Amino acid sequence: MSIIFPAKKLKRNFYTRDLQIVAKELLGKILVKKNGRKYLAGKIVEVEAYDGEIDEASHTFVGLTERNKIMFNEGGYFYVYFTYGAHYCCNVVTGRKGHGTAVLIRAIEPLEGIDAMSVNRFGRKLMNEKEKINLTSGPGKVCQALEISKEHYGYDLTGDKIFLLYQPKIAENNIVTTKRIGIKKSVDLQWRFYIKDNPYVSKK
């Protein structure tokens, strides 16, 4: 585990801050999922922010439901949902309790457990560099590669099963800000952030 440790686990106070701040500072942090005695891990390279108070694309815009209730918890929990009848997406809950904000993890750069991620995605080990770049370059791909599903809904990110590790902040001039992808409401909000020139980003 020399690739990702001895980096320290992010504490609750990282997540309970303002949505936009957390979204940008998630870039470069390492998402880790423990698989038995092994770890699957990758550097977060692309995210999208969602805020139900002003954002019609957010799942919390309609108010509290059984599906979105974890988003109304305080920051530092995992919100996982199934979309398009095809794949799961994972989100980091942010802010104060009752606020209803979260950050979608759109893409990661694979670091640890790459062979296992490849088997999860393709049913075999990687064949070439192009497949590695395609491994986790999208929200559904991230969940498939890390075997994240509805059973991980509500996980505490300060726990030991799924967590994030500290890395230095990405400089502002290395962060690209754009409109979000694949939504039909609140489309003009510039709430998608990604690391400039990173090949693992889903869409430049």
Protein backbone atom coordinates (compact mmCIF):
# COMPACT_ATOMS: atom_id res chain seq x y z
CA MET A 1 0.00 0.00 0.00
CA SER A 2 2.96 2.33 -0.47
CA ILE A 3 1.09 4.15 -3.24
CA ILE A 4 -1.65 5.57 -1.00
CA PHE A 5 -0.43 5.20 2.59
CA PRO A 6 0.73 6.72 4.97
CA ALA A 7 -1.60 9.52 3.82
CA LYS A 8 -4.10 10.45 6.54
CA LYS A 9 -7.85 9.84 6.38
CA LEU A 10 -10.00 12.96 5.96
CA LYS A 11 -11.90 13.93 9.10
CA ARG A 12 -15.52 15.02 9.46
CA ASN A 13 -14.70 18.72 9.45
CA PHE A 14 -13.38 18.47 5.89
CA TYR A 15 -16.83 17.47 4.64
CA THR A 16 -19.06 19.75 6.71
CA ARG A 17 -17.93 22.94 4.95
CA ASP A 18 -19.45 24.82 2.00
CA LEU A 19 -20.37 22.67 -1.00
CA GLN A 20 -18.23 24.52 -3.55
CA ILE A 21 -15.17 24.50 -1.33
CA VAL A 22 -15.43 20.79 -0.64
CA ALA A 23 -16.09 20.00 -4.31
CA LYS A 24 -12.90 21.69 -5.47
CA GLU A 25 -10.83 20.32 -2.60
CA LEU A 26 -11.99 16.76 -3.31
CA LEU A 27 -9.89 16.97 -6.48
CA GLY A 28 -6.61 15.17 -5.87
CA LYS A 29 -7.85 13.35 -2.77
CA ILE A 30 -7.72 9.55 -2.82
CA LEU A 31 -10.92 7.50 -2.71
CA VAL A 32 -10.31 4.12 -1.03
CA LYS A 33 -12.55 1.06 -0.77
CA LYS A 34 -11.42 -1.84 1.39
CA ASN A 35 -11.94 -5.23 -0.25
CA GLY A 36 -11.21 -7.85 2.37
CA ARG A 37 -7.52 -7.44 3.11
CA LYS A 38 -6.86 -5.49 -0.06
CA TYR A 39 -7.67 -1.97 -1.22
CA LEU A 40 -9.05 -0.42 -4.37
CA ALA A 41 -8.05 3.22 -4.66
CA GLY A 42 -7.86 6.13 -7.06
CA LYS A 43 -7.21 9.87 -7.14
CA ILE A 44 -10.35 11.95 -7.65
CA VAL A 45 -9.92 13.94 -10.87
CA GLU A 46 -13.46 15.10 -11.72
CA VAL A 47 -16.53 16.05 -9.64
CA GLU A 48 -19.90 17.80 -9.85
CA ALA A 49 -21.64 19.73 -7.07
CA TYR A 50 -25.39 19.51 -6.26
CA ASP A 51 -27.40 21.75 -3.91
CA GLY A 52 -31.12 21.12 -3.44
CA GLU A 53 -31.84 24.63 -2.15
CA ILE A 54 -31.21 26.30 -5.53
CA ASP A 55 -30.43 23.49 -7.95
CA GLU A 56 -33.28 21.73 -9.77
CA ALA A 57 -30.92 18.95 -10.91
CA SER A 58 -30.20 17.96 -7.31
CA HIS A 59 -32.05 14.96 -5.89
CA THR A 60 -32.85 17.04 -2.80
CA PHE A 61 -34.64 19.82 -4.70
CA VAL A 62 -37.94 17.95 -4.16
CA GLY A 63 -37.39 17.72 -0.41
CA LEU A 64 -36.72 14.77 1.87
CA THR A 65 -37.43 11.31 0.41
CA GLU A 66 -36.43 7.76 1.24
CA ARG A 67 -33.94 7.83 -1.62
CA ASN A 68 -32.17 11.10 -0.80
CA LYS A 69 -32.38 11.17 3.01
CA ILE A 70 -28.65 10.58 3.51
CA MET A 71 -27.96 13.83 1.62
CA PHE A 72 -29.70 15.66 4.46
CA ASN A 73 -27.23 14.27 6.97
CA GLU A 74 -24.12 16.21 7.95
CA GLY A 75 -21.17 16.00 5.59
CA GLY A 76 -19.00 12.89 5.38
CA TYR A 77 -21.46 10.21 4.28
CA PHE A 78 -21.73 8.25 1.03
CA TYR A 79 -24.78 8.75 -1.18
CA VAL A 80 -25.14 5.99 -3.79
CA TYR A 81 -27.95 5.83 -6.32
CA PHE A 82 -28.91 3.76 -9.36
CA THR A 83 -29.44 5.64 -12.62
CA TYR A 84 -30.77 4.96 -16.12
CA GLY A 85 -31.48 1.39 -15.03
CA ALA A 86 -27.85 0.64 -15.76
CA HIS A 87 -25.27 1.78 -13.21
CA TYR A 88 -24.57 3.24 -9.79
CA CYS A 89 -23.17 6.69 -9.01
CA CYS A 90 -21.45 7.67 -5.77
CA ASN A 91 -21.51 11.02 -4.02
CA VAL A 92 -19.89 12.66 -1.02
CA VAL A 93 -22.41 14.40 1.27
CA THR A 94 -21.30 17.88 2.37
CA GLY A 95 -22.31 20.73 4.62
CA ARG A 96 -24.57 21.03 7.65
CA LYS A 97 -27.22 18.54 8.72
CA GLY A 98 -30.46 19.28 6.88
CA HIS A 99 -28.74 21.15 4.05
CA GLY A 100 -29.08 18.54 1.26
CA THR A 101 -25.82 18.98 -0.64
CA ALA A 102 -23.44 16.45 -2.17
CA VAL A 103 -20.62 16.07 -4.68
CA LEU A 104 -20.78 13.46 -7.43
CA ILE A 105 -17.49 11.66 -8.07
CA ARG A 106 -17.33 11.61 -11.86
CA ALA A 107 -13.86 10.15 -12.44
CA ILE A 108 -10.79 8.86 -10.63
CA GLU A 109 -7.26 8.02 -11.68
CA PRO A 110 -6.67 4.36 -10.66
CA LEU A 111 -3.80 3.86 -8.22
CA GLU A 112 -4.22 0.67 -6.21
CA GLY A 113 -5.89 -2.65 -7.04
CA ILE A 114 -5.93 -1.90 -10.75
CA ASP A 115 -6.05 -5.57 -11.79
CA ALA A 116 -9.09 -6.14 -9.56
CA MET A 117 -10.77 -3.01 -10.93
CA SER A 118 -10.18 -4.26 -14.46
CA VAL A 119 -11.73 -7.63 -13.68
CA ASN A 120 -14.74 -5.82 -12.21
CA ARG A 121 -15.12 -3.69 -15.35
CA PHE A 122 -13.98 -5.94 -18.19
CA GLY A 123 -13.92 -9.45 -16.73
CA ARG A 124 -10.15 -9.66 -17.24
CA LYS A 125 -6.90 -7.80 -16.64
CA LEU A 126 -6.03 -4.69 -18.64
CA MET A 127 -4.76 -5.18 -22.18
CA ASN A 128 -3.32 -1.72 -22.87
CA GLU A 129 -3.00 1.89 -21.70
CA LYS A 130 -6.20 2.93 -23.49
CA GLU A 131 -8.19 0.48 -21.38
CA LYS A 132 -6.56 1.85 -18.22
CA ILE A 133 -7.65 5.39 -19.13
CA ASN A 134 -11.18 4.10 -19.78
CA LEU A 135 -11.26 2.12 -16.53
CA THR A 136 -12.67 4.79 -14.20
CA SER A 137 -13.34 7.78 -16.50
CA GLY A 138 -17.01 8.25 -15.63
CA PRO A 139 -19.31 7.98 -12.59
CA GLY A 140 -20.76 4.60 -13.54
CA LYS A 141 -17.31 3.26 -14.35
CA VAL A 142 -16.01 4.34 -10.94
CA CYS A 143 -18.71 2.39 -9.13
CA GLN A 144 -18.35 -0.67 -11.33
CA ALA A 145 -14.56 -0.74 -10.97
CA LEU A 146 -14.72 -0.33 -7.18
CA GLU A 147 -17.78 -2.60 -6.81
CA ILE A 148 -19.83 0.15 -5.24
CA SER A 149 -23.58 -0.53 -5.10
CA LYS A 150 -26.71 0.24 -3.08
CA GLU A 151 -25.29 -1.71 -0.12
CA HIS A 152 -22.79 1.13 0.34
CA TYR A 153 -25.51 3.78 0.63
CA GLY A 154 -25.03 5.79 3.81
CA TYR A 155 -21.51 4.61 4.62
CA ASP A 156 -19.64 6.88 7.01
CA LEU A 157 -16.56 8.16 5.16
CA THR A 158 -14.69 8.54 8.44
CA GLY A 159 -14.98 4.76 8.90
CA ASP A 160 -12.78 1.92 7.65
CA LYS A 161 -14.70 0.49 4.67
CA ILE A 162 -14.83 3.44 2.27
CA PHE A 163 -12.87 6.61 3.01
CA LEU A 164 -10.82 9.43 1.52
CA LEU A 165 -7.16 10.17 2.10
CA TYR A 166 -5.60 13.60 2.34
CA GLN A 167 -3.47 15.01 -0.47
CA PRO A 168 -2.37 18.63 -1.01
CA LYS A 169 -4.91 20.96 -2.62
CA ILE A 170 -4.83 21.28 -6.39
CA ALA A 171 -3.81 24.81 -7.41
CA GLU A 172 -6.70 26.94 -8.68
CA ASN A 173 -5.01 27.43 -12.06
CA ASN A 174 -4.98 23.64 -12.51
CA ILE A 175 -8.75 23.31 -11.95
CA VAL A 176 -11.13 23.60 -14.89
CA THR A 177 -14.68 24.82 -14.13
CA THR A 178 -17.54 23.99 -16.52
CA LYS A 179 -21.24 23.20 -16.77
CA ARG A 180 -22.33 19.79 -15.52
CA ILE A 181 -22.91 16.83 -17.85
CA GLY A 182 -26.05 14.85 -18.66
CA ILE A 183 -28.64 16.97 -16.87
CA LYS A 184 -31.70 18.84 -18.16
CA LYS A 185 -32.33 21.27 -15.29
CA SER A 186 -30.18 24.09 -13.86
CA VAL A 187 -27.91 23.46 -16.81
CA ASP A 188 -26.10 26.81 -16.64
CA LEU A 189 -24.57 26.31 -13.18
CA GLN A 190 -20.79 26.11 -13.45
CA TRP A 191 -20.52 23.31 -10.90
CA ARG A 192 -18.33 20.73 -12.60
CA PHE A 193 -14.66 20.75 -11.67
CA TYR A 194 -11.79 18.67 -12.98
CA ILE A 195 -8.01 18.56 -12.94
CA LYS A 196 -6.59 20.24 -16.01
CA ASP A 197 -4.90 17.91 -18.54
CA ASN A 198 -5.64 14.76 -16.53
CA PRO A 199 -6.27 11.91 -19.03
CA TYR A 200 -8.75 10.15 -16.74
CA VAL A 201 -11.36 12.94 -16.86
CA SER A 202 -14.59 11.72 -18.50
CA LYS A 203 -14.97 14.60 -20.93
CA LYS A 204 -12.68 17.56 -21.56
